[in-house]
Amino acid sequence: MAVDRDNPGDLARRAAERRSRRSGRSVEADPWRRESFLLPRLLAREKARELFERYPKAAYMTEIEFWRECADDQIEFVVRRLPTAD
């Protein structure tokens, strides 16, 4: 099986565009902040924990929006959160 080699930023942009098409909103009007990562499995877990500690789900609605296993035990994931906790 071939592995898609898009960079995490391209992946996040395409995911946001798909969501905006489904919802009828423009990508620019999307209130969510997204960060993409491609890290070895253990570092990916640490990074996800760090982000959930820094941006708690209750305040920022933080979530792992997308993830996949890549070659060489790498994990690619996109974290979505609100920019501020109001």
PDB file of N, CA and C in Angstrom:
ATOM      1  N   MET A   1       0.841  -1.187   0.000  1.00  0.00           N
ATOM      2  CA  MET A   1       0.000   0.000   0.000  1.00  0.00           C
ATOM      3  C   MET A   1       0.882   1.245   0.000  1.00  0.00           C
ATOM      4  N   ALA A   2       0.628   2.168  -0.886  1.00  0.00           N
ATOM      5  CA  ALA A   2       1.407   3.398  -0.972  1.00  0.00           C
ATOM      6  C   ALA A   2       0.984   4.356   0.137  1.00  0.00           C
ATOM      7  N   VAL A   3       1.958   5.067   0.691  1.00  0.00           N
ATOM      8  CA  VAL A   3       1.696   6.036   1.751  1.00  0.00           C
ATOM      9  C   VAL A   3       1.676   7.419   1.138  1.00  0.00           C
ATOM     10  N   ASP A   4       0.640   8.178   1.431  1.00  0.00           N
ATOM     11  CA  ASP A   4       0.525   9.552   0.952  1.00  0.00           C
ATOM     12  C   ASP A   4       1.576  10.397   1.665  1.00  0.00           C
ATOM     13  N   ARG A   5       2.363  11.160   0.922  1.00  0.00           N
ATOM     14  CA  ARG A   5       3.475  11.918   1.499  1.00  0.00           C
ATOM     15  C   ARG A   5       3.183  13.414   1.609  1.00  0.00           C
ATOM     16  N   ASP A   6       1.931  13.810   1.712  1.00  0.00           N
ATOM     17  CA  ASP A   6       1.625  15.228   1.905  1.00  0.00           C
ATOM     18  C   ASP A   6       2.162  15.674   3.250  1.00  0.00           C
ATOM     19  N   ASN A   7       2.521  16.937   3.336  1.00  0.00           N
ATOM     20  CA  ASN A   7       2.988  17.423   4.630  1.00  0.00           C
ATOM     21  C   ASN A   7       1.776  17.708   5.528  1.00  0.00           C
ATOM     22  N   PRO A   8       1.967  17.761   6.834  1.00  0.00           N
ATOM     23  CA  PRO A   8       0.841  17.943   7.742  1.00  0.00           C
ATOM     24  C   PRO A   8       0.037  19.220   7.492  1.00  0.00           C
ATOM     25  N   GLY A   9       0.692  20.288   7.060  1.00  0.00           N
ATOM     26  CA  GLY A   9      -0.026  21.530   6.766  1.00  0.00           C
ATOM     27  C   GLY A   9      -1.006  21.367   5.615  1.00  0.00           C
ATOM     28  N   ASP A  10      -0.588  20.643   4.567  1.00  0.00           N
ATOM     29  CA  ASP A  10      -1.486  20.371   3.437  1.00  0.00           C
ATOM     30  C   ASP A  10      -2.672  19.535   3.885  1.00  0.00           C
ATOM     31  N   LEU A  11      -2.401  18.569   4.730  1.00  0.00           N
ATOM     32  CA  LEU A  11      -3.458  17.710   5.248  1.00  0.00           C
ATOM     33  C   LEU A  11      -4.489  18.518   6.035  1.00  0.00           C
ATOM     34  N   ALA A  12      -4.027  19.393   6.921  1.00  0.00           N
ATOM     35  CA  ALA A  12      -4.939  20.222   7.718  1.00  0.00           C
ATOM     36  C   ALA A  12      -5.749  21.162   6.823  1.00  0.00           C
ATOM     37  N   ARG A  13      -5.093  21.741   5.808  1.00  0.00           N
ATOM     38  CA  ARG A  13      -5.795  22.653   4.902  1.00  0.00           C
ATOM     39  C   ARG A  13      -6.897  21.921   4.135  1.00  0.00           C
ATOM     40  N   ARG A  14      -6.583  20.722   3.624  1.00  0.00           N
ATOM     41  CA  ARG A  14      -7.599  19.961   2.890  1.00  0.00           C
ATOM     42  C   ARG A  14      -8.750  19.550   3.795  1.00  0.00           C
ATOM     43  N   ALA A  15      -8.450  19.161   5.022  1.00  0.00           N
ATOM     44  CA  ALA A  15      -9.511  18.790   5.969  1.00  0.00           C
ATOM     45  C   ALA A  15     -10.408  19.988   6.252  1.00  0.00           C
ATOM     46  N   ALA A  16      -9.826  21.162   6.433  1.00  0.00           N
ATOM     47  CA  ALA A  16     -10.611  22.378   6.685  1.00  0.00           C
ATOM     48  C   ALA A  16     -11.469  22.736   5.474  1.00  0.00           C
ATOM     49  N   GLU A  17     -10.906  22.571   4.276  1.00  0.00           N
ATOM     50  CA  GLU A  17     -11.681  22.864   3.065  1.00  0.00           C
ATOM     51  C   GLU A  17     -12.867  21.915   2.918  1.00  0.00           C
ATOM     52  N   ARG A  18     -12.668  20.626   3.224  1.00  0.00           N
ATOM     53  CA  ARG A  18     -13.786  19.666   3.152  1.00  0.00           C
ATOM     54  C   ARG A  18     -14.880  20.040   4.138  1.00  0.00           C
ATOM     55  N   ARG A  19     -14.481  20.386   5.357  1.00  0.00           N
ATOM     56  CA  ARG A  19     -15.475  20.778   6.361  1.00  0.00           C
ATOM     57  C   ARG A  19     -16.236  22.021   5.930  1.00  0.00           C
ATOM     58  N   SER A  20     -15.522  22.991   5.390  1.00  0.00           N
ATOM     59  CA  SER A  20     -16.184  24.237   4.995  1.00  0.00           C
ATOM     60  C   SER A  20     -17.152  24.001   3.838  1.00  0.00           C
ATOM     61  N   ARG A  21     -16.798  23.109   2.920  1.00  0.00           N
ATOM     62  CA  ARG A  21     -17.720  22.795   1.815  1.00  0.00           C
ATOM     63  C   ARG A  21     -18.986  22.133   2.340  1.00  0.00           C
ATOM     64  N   ARG A  22     -18.827  21.228   3.313  1.00  0.00           N
ATOM     65  CA  ARG A  22     -19.999  20.553   3.890  1.00  0.00           C
ATOM     66  C   ARG A  22     -20.881  21.534   4.655  1.00  0.00           C
ATOM     67  N   SER A  23     -20.272  22.484   5.349  1.00  0.00           N
ATOM     68  CA  SER A  23     -21.051  23.395   6.187  1.00  0.00           C
ATOM     69  C   SER A  23     -21.485  24.656   5.443  1.00  0.00           C
ATOM     70  N   GLY A  24     -20.908  24.897   4.251  1.00  0.00           N
ATOM     71  CA  GLY A  24     -21.254  26.087   3.484  1.00  0.00           C
ATOM     72  C   GLY A  24     -20.533  27.335   3.966  1.00  0.00           C
ATOM     73  N   ARG A  25     -19.543  27.197   4.849  1.00  0.00           N
ATOM     74  CA  ARG A  25     -18.779  28.340   5.360  1.00  0.00           C
ATOM     75  C   ARG A  25     -17.430  28.405   4.669  1.00  0.00           C
ATOM     76  N   SER A  26     -16.864  29.584   4.594  1.00  0.00           N
ATOM     77  CA  SER A  26     -15.533  29.708   3.996  1.00  0.00           C
ATOM     78  C   SER A  26     -14.479  29.285   5.008  1.00  0.00           C
ATOM     79  N   VAL A  27     -13.325  28.877   4.511  1.00  0.00           N
ATOM     80  CA  VAL A  27     -12.228  28.475   5.385  1.00  0.00           C
ATOM     81  C   VAL A  27     -11.798  29.655   6.256  1.00  0.00           C
ATOM     82  N   GLU A  28     -11.811  30.855   5.700  1.00  0.00           N
ATOM     83  CA  GLU A  28     -11.398  32.039   6.445  1.00  0.00           C
ATOM     84  C   GLU A  28     -12.323  32.323   7.628  1.00  0.00           C
ATOM     85  N   ALA A  29     -13.597  31.939   7.535  1.00  0.00           N
ATOM     86  CA  ALA A  29     -14.555  32.189   8.609  1.00  0.00           C
ATOM     87  C   ALA A  29     -14.525  31.097   9.671  1.00  0.00           C
ATOM     88  N   ASP A  30     -13.723  30.093   9.478  1.00  0.00           N
ATOM     89  CA  ASP A  30     -13.623  28.980  10.412  1.00  0.00           C
ATOM     90  C   ASP A  30     -13.009  29.471  11.723  1.00  0.00           C
ATOM     91  N   PRO A  31     -13.691  29.290  12.852  1.00  0.00           N
ATOM     92  CA  PRO A  31     -13.173  29.816  14.122  1.00  0.00           C
ATOM     93  C   PRO A  31     -12.075  28.955  14.748  1.00  0.00           C
ATOM     94  N   TRP A  32     -11.808  27.772  14.216  1.00  0.00           N
ATOM     95  CA  TRP A  32     -10.883  26.832  14.828  1.00  0.00           C
ATOM     96  C   TRP A  32      -9.435  27.103  14.460  1.00  0.00           C
ATOM     97  N   ARG A  33      -8.540  26.857  15.403  1.00  0.00           N
ATOM     98  CA  ARG A  33      -7.109  26.840  15.147  1.00  0.00           C
ATOM     99  C   ARG A  33      -6.703  25.384  14.990  1.00  0.00           C
ATOM    100  N   ARG A  34      -5.900  25.107  14.015  1.00  0.00           N
ATOM    101  CA  ARG A  34      -5.439  23.740  13.774  1.00  0.00           C
ATOM    102  C   ARG A  34      -3.926  23.713  13.714  1.00  0.00           C
ATOM    103  N   GLU A  35      -3.359  22.693  14.341  1.00  0.00           N
ATOM    104  CA  GLU A  35      -1.926  22.468  14.280  1.00  0.00           C
ATOM    105  C   GLU A  35      -1.708  21.036  13.824  1.00  0.00           C
ATOM    106  N   SER A  36      -0.791  20.854  12.895  1.00  0.00           N
ATOM    107  CA  SER A  36      -0.500  19.535  12.344  1.00  0.00           C
ATOM    108  C   SER A  36       0.887  19.088  12.780  1.00  0.00           C
ATOM    109  N   PHE A  37       1.017  17.788  13.036  1.00  0.00           N
ATOM    110  CA  PHE A  37       2.275  17.229  13.493  1.00  0.00           C
ATOM    111  C   PHE A  37       2.535  15.899  12.795  1.00  0.00           C
ATOM    112  N   LEU A  38       3.798  15.593  12.588  1.00  0.00           N
ATOM    113  CA  LEU A  38       4.244  14.288  12.104  1.00  0.00           C
ATOM    114  C   LEU A  38       5.432  13.925  12.985  1.00  0.00           C
ATOM    115  N   LEU A  39       5.199  13.010  13.938  1.00  0.00           N
ATOM    116  CA  LEU A  39       6.204  12.689  14.948  1.00  0.00           C
ATOM    117  C   LEU A  39       6.283  11.186  15.174  1.00  0.00           C
ATOM    118  N   PRO A  40       7.416  10.717  15.695  1.00  0.00           N
ATOM    119  CA  PRO A  40       7.474   9.321  16.126  1.00  0.00           C
ATOM    120  C   PRO A  40       6.390   9.072  17.180  1.00  0.00           C
ATOM    121  N   ARG A  41       5.914   7.854  17.269  1.00  0.00           N
ATOM    122  CA  ARG A  41       4.768   7.507  18.117  1.00  0.00           C
ATOM    123  C   ARG A  41       4.877   8.068  19.538  1.00  0.00           C
ATOM    124  N   LEU A  42       5.982   7.831  20.228  1.00  0.00           N
ATOM    125  CA  LEU A  42       6.103   8.292  21.622  1.00  0.00           C
ATOM    126  C   LEU A  42       6.105   9.820  21.720  1.00  0.00           C
ATOM    127  N   LEU A  43       6.783  10.486  20.804  1.00  0.00           N
ATOM    128  CA  LEU A  43       6.779  11.957  20.811  1.00  0.00           C
ATOM    129  C   LEU A  43       5.399  12.506  20.468  1.00  0.00           C
ATOM    130  N   ALA A  44       4.674  11.811  19.600  1.00  0.00           N
ATOM    131  CA  ALA A  44       3.311  12.244  19.255  1.00  0.00           C
ATOM    132  C   ALA A  44       2.415  12.188  20.490  1.00  0.00           C
ATOM    133  N   ARG A  45       2.535  11.122  21.279  1.00  0.00           N
ATOM    134  CA  ARG A  45       1.746  11.028  22.521  1.00  0.00           C
ATOM    135  C   ARG A  45       2.095  12.161  23.477  1.00  0.00           C
ATOM    136  N   GLU A  46       3.385  12.417  23.633  1.00  0.00           N
ATOM    137  CA  GLU A  46       3.816  13.496  24.529  1.00  0.00           C
ATOM    138  C   GLU A  46       3.291  14.849  24.050  1.00  0.00           C
ATOM    139  N   LYS A  47       3.374  15.100  22.752  1.00  0.00           N
ATOM    140  CA  LYS A  47       2.910  16.381  22.198  1.00  0.00           C
ATOM    141  C   LYS A  47       1.410  16.539  22.403  1.00  0.00           C
ATOM    142  N   ALA A  48       0.638  15.474  22.171  1.00  0.00           N
ATOM    143  CA  ALA A  48      -0.811  15.541  22.368  1.00  0.00           C
ATOM    144  C   ALA A  48      -1.132  15.843  23.839  1.00  0.00           C
ATOM    145  N   ARG A  49      -0.456  15.165  24.762  1.00  0.00           N
ATOM    146  CA  ARG A  49      -0.678  15.434  26.196  1.00  0.00           C
ATOM    147  C   ARG A  49      -0.345  16.875  26.544  1.00  0.00           C
ATOM    148  N   GLU A  50       0.780  17.360  26.018  1.00  0.00           N
ATOM    149  CA  GLU A  50       1.197  18.739  26.264  1.00  0.00           C
ATOM    150  C   GLU A  50       0.134  19.733  25.785  1.00  0.00           C
ATOM    151  N   LEU A  51      -0.399  19.496  24.598  1.00  0.00           N
ATOM    152  CA  LEU A  51      -1.410  20.407  24.051  1.00  0.00           C
ATOM    153  C   LEU A  51      -2.698  20.366  24.856  1.00  0.00           C
ATOM    154  N   PHE A  52      -3.116  19.171  25.303  1.00  0.00           N
ATOM    155  CA  PHE A  52      -4.334  19.073  26.118  1.00  0.00           C
ATOM    156  C   PHE A  52      -4.137  19.710  27.485  1.00  0.00           C
ATOM    157  N   GLU A  53      -2.906  19.707  28.015  1.00  0.00           N
ATOM    158  CA  GLU A  53      -2.640  20.396  29.283  1.00  0.00           C
ATOM    159  C   GLU A  53      -2.649  21.907  29.084  1.00  0.00           C
ATOM    160  N   ARG A  54      -2.051  22.358  27.992  1.00  0.00           N
ATOM    161  CA  ARG A  54      -1.979  23.795  27.716  1.00  0.00           C
ATOM    162  C   ARG A  54      -3.340  24.359  27.307  1.00  0.00           C
ATOM    163  N   TYR A  55      -4.106  23.599  26.531  1.00  0.00           N
ATOM    164  CA  TYR A  55      -5.414  24.026  26.025  1.00  0.00           C
ATOM    165  C   TYR A  55      -6.461  22.987  26.438  1.00  0.00           C
ATOM    166  N   PRO A  56      -6.941  23.044  27.684  1.00  0.00           N
ATOM    167  CA  PRO A  56      -7.891  22.019  28.173  1.00  0.00           C
ATOM    168  C   PRO A  56      -9.146  21.941  27.306  1.00  0.00           C
ATOM    169  N   LYS A  57      -9.637  20.728  27.138  1.00  0.00           N
ATOM    170  CA  LYS A  57     -10.817  20.489  26.317  1.00  0.00           C
ATOM    171  C   LYS A  57     -12.012  21.309  26.799  1.00  0.00           C
ATOM    172  N   ALA A  58     -12.197  21.414  28.109  1.00  0.00           N
ATOM    173  CA  ALA A  58     -13.346  22.136  28.661  1.00  0.00           C
ATOM    174  C   ALA A  58     -13.329  23.619  28.278  1.00  0.00           C
ATOM    175  N   ALA A  59     -12.159  24.220  28.182  1.00  0.00           N
ATOM    176  CA  ALA A  59     -12.063  25.649  27.884  1.00  0.00           C
ATOM    177  C   ALA A  59     -11.895  25.939  26.394  1.00  0.00           C
ATOM    178  N   TYR A  60     -11.098  25.129  25.704  1.00  0.00           N
ATOM    179  CA  TYR A  60     -10.750  25.406  24.309  1.00  0.00           C
ATOM    180  C   TYR A  60     -11.402  24.440  23.320  1.00  0.00           C
ATOM    181  N   MET A  61     -12.156  23.465  23.830  1.00  0.00           N
ATOM    182  CA  MET A  61     -12.779  22.440  22.987  1.00  0.00           C
ATOM    183  C   MET A  61     -11.727  21.714  22.143  1.00  0.00           C
ATOM    184  N   THR A  62     -10.566  21.482  22.724  1.00  0.00           N
ATOM    185  CA  THR A  62      -9.445  20.835  22.057  1.00  0.00           C
ATOM    186  C   THR A  62      -9.778  19.390  21.731  1.00  0.00           C
ATOM    187  N   GLU A  63      -9.389  18.959  20.528  1.00  0.00           N
ATOM    188  CA  GLU A  63      -9.563  17.557  20.154  1.00  0.00           C
ATOM    189  C   GLU A  63      -8.574  17.177  19.063  1.00  0.00           C
ATOM    190  N   ILE A  64      -8.297  15.890  18.986  1.00  0.00           N
ATOM    191  CA  ILE A  64      -7.519  15.351  17.876  1.00  0.00           C
ATOM    192  C   ILE A  64      -8.514  15.185  16.733  1.00  0.00           C
ATOM    193  N   GLU A  65      -8.385  16.017  15.725  1.00  0.00           N
ATOM    194  CA  GLU A  65      -9.344  16.028  14.624  1.00  0.00           C
ATOM    195  C   GLU A  65      -9.084  14.897  13.634  1.00  0.00           C
ATOM    196  N   PHE A  66      -7.828  14.564  13.435  1.00  0.00           N
ATOM    197  CA  PHE A  66      -7.451  13.534  12.466  1.00  0.00           C
ATOM    198  C   PHE A  66      -6.137  12.930  12.919  1.00  0.00           C
ATOM    199  N   TRP A  67      -5.973  11.638  12.699  1.00  0.00           N
ATOM    200  CA  TRP A  67      -4.674  11.012  12.924  1.00  0.00           C
ATOM    201  C   TRP A  67      -4.538   9.792  12.043  1.00  0.00           C
ATOM    202  N   ARG A  68      -3.291   9.427  11.758  1.00  0.00           N
ATOM    203  CA  ARG A  68      -3.019   8.218  10.988  1.00  0.00           C
ATOM    204  C   ARG A  68      -1.600   7.752  11.286  1.00  0.00           C
ATOM    205  N   GLU A  69      -1.396   6.463  11.101  1.00  0.00           N
ATOM    206  CA  GLU A  69      -0.073   5.868  11.237  1.00  0.00           C
ATOM    207  C   GLU A  69       0.627   5.957   9.889  1.00  0.00           C
ATOM    208  N   CYS A  70       1.849   6.419   9.894  1.00  0.00           N
ATOM    209  CA  CYS A  70       2.654   6.509   8.675  1.00  0.00           C
ATOM    210  C   CYS A  70       3.806   5.515   8.777  1.00  0.00           C
ATOM    211  N   ALA A  71       4.640   5.513   7.768  1.00  0.00           N
ATOM    212  CA  ALA A  71       5.787   4.616   7.746  1.00  0.00           C
ATOM    213  C   ALA A  71       6.735   4.913   8.908  1.00  0.00           C
ATOM    214  N   ASP A  72       7.541   3.950   9.261  1.00  0.00           N
ATOM    215  CA  ASP A  72       8.575   4.104  10.292  1.00  0.00           C
ATOM    216  C   ASP A  72       8.005   4.485  11.652  1.00  0.00           C
ATOM    217  N   ASP A  73       6.812   3.974  11.977  1.00  0.00           N
ATOM    218  CA  ASP A  73       6.177   4.201  13.282  1.00  0.00           C
ATOM    219  C   ASP A  73       5.988   5.690  13.582  1.00  0.00           C
ATOM    220  N   GLN A  74       5.678   6.463  12.556  1.00  0.00           N
ATOM    221  CA  GLN A  74       5.379   7.888  12.704  1.00  0.00           C
ATOM    222  C   GLN A  74       3.862   8.054  12.786  1.00  0.00           C
ATOM    223  N   ILE A  75       3.438   9.043  13.543  1.00  0.00           N
ATOM    224  CA  ILE A  75       2.019   9.371  13.661  1.00  0.00           C
ATOM    225  C   ILE A  75       1.823  10.793  13.143  1.00  0.00           C
ATOM    226  N   GLU A  76       0.876  10.938  12.244  1.00  0.00           N
ATOM    227  CA  GLU A  76       0.504  12.256  11.731  1.00  0.00           C
ATOM    228  C   GLU A  76      -0.841  12.595  12.346  1.00  0.00           C
ATOM    229  N   PHE A  77      -0.946  13.788  12.940  1.00  0.00           N
ATOM    230  CA  PHE A  77      -2.216  14.159  13.553  1.00  0.00           C
ATOM    231  C   PHE A  77      -2.450  15.659  13.482  1.00  0.00           C
ATOM    232  N   VAL A  78      -3.721  16.023  13.551  1.00  0.00           N
ATOM    233  CA  VAL A  78      -4.152  17.415  13.526  1.00  0.00           C
ATOM    234  C   VAL A  78      -4.933  17.672  14.807  1.00  0.00           C
ATOM    235  N   VAL A  79      -4.519  18.716  15.544  1.00  0.00           N
ATOM    236  CA  VAL A  79      -5.200  19.115  16.768  1.00  0.00           C
ATOM    237  C   VAL A  79      -6.016  20.357  16.463  1.00  0.00           C
ATOM    238  N   ARG A  80      -7.275  20.327  16.857  1.00  0.00           N
ATOM    239  CA  ARG A  80      -8.171  21.464  16.638  1.00  0.00           C
ATOM    240  C   ARG A  80      -8.550  22.049  17.989  1.00  0.00           C
ATOM    241  N   ARG A  81      -8.573  23.406  18.066  1.00  0.00           N
ATOM    242  CA  ARG A  81      -8.972  24.079  19.305  1.00  0.00           C
ATOM    243  C   ARG A  81      -9.480  25.475  18.972  1.00  0.00           C
ATOM    244  N   LEU A  82     -10.185  26.056  19.917  1.00  0.00           N
ATOM    245  CA  LEU A  82     -10.568  27.453  19.773  1.00  0.00           C
ATOM    246  C   LEU A  82      -9.376  28.324  20.124  1.00  0.00           C
ATOM    247  N   PRO A  83      -9.256  29.512  19.537  1.00  0.00           N
ATOM    248  CA  PRO A  83      -8.088  30.352  19.783  1.00  0.00           C
ATOM    249  C   PRO A  83      -8.030  30.929  21.193  1.00  0.00           C
ATOM    250  N   THR A  84      -9.173  31.121  21.828  1.00  0.00           N
ATOM    251  CA  THR A  84      -9.190  31.660  23.186  1.00  0.00           C
ATOM    252  C   THR A  84     -10.239  30.938  24.019  1.00  0.00           C
ATOM    253  N   ALA A  85     -10.071  31.023  25.317  1.00  0.00           N
ATOM    254  CA  ALA A  85     -11.058  30.439  26.233  1.00  0.00           C
ATOM    255  C   ALA A  85     -11.909  31.580  26.766  1.00  0.00           C
ATOM    256  N   ASP A  86     -13.077  31.747  26.223  1.00  0.00           N
ATOM    257  CA  ASP A  86     -13.954  32.843  26.645  1.00  0.00           C
ATOM    258  C   ASP A  86     -14.879  32.426  27.740  1.00  0.00           C
TER     259      ASP A  86
END
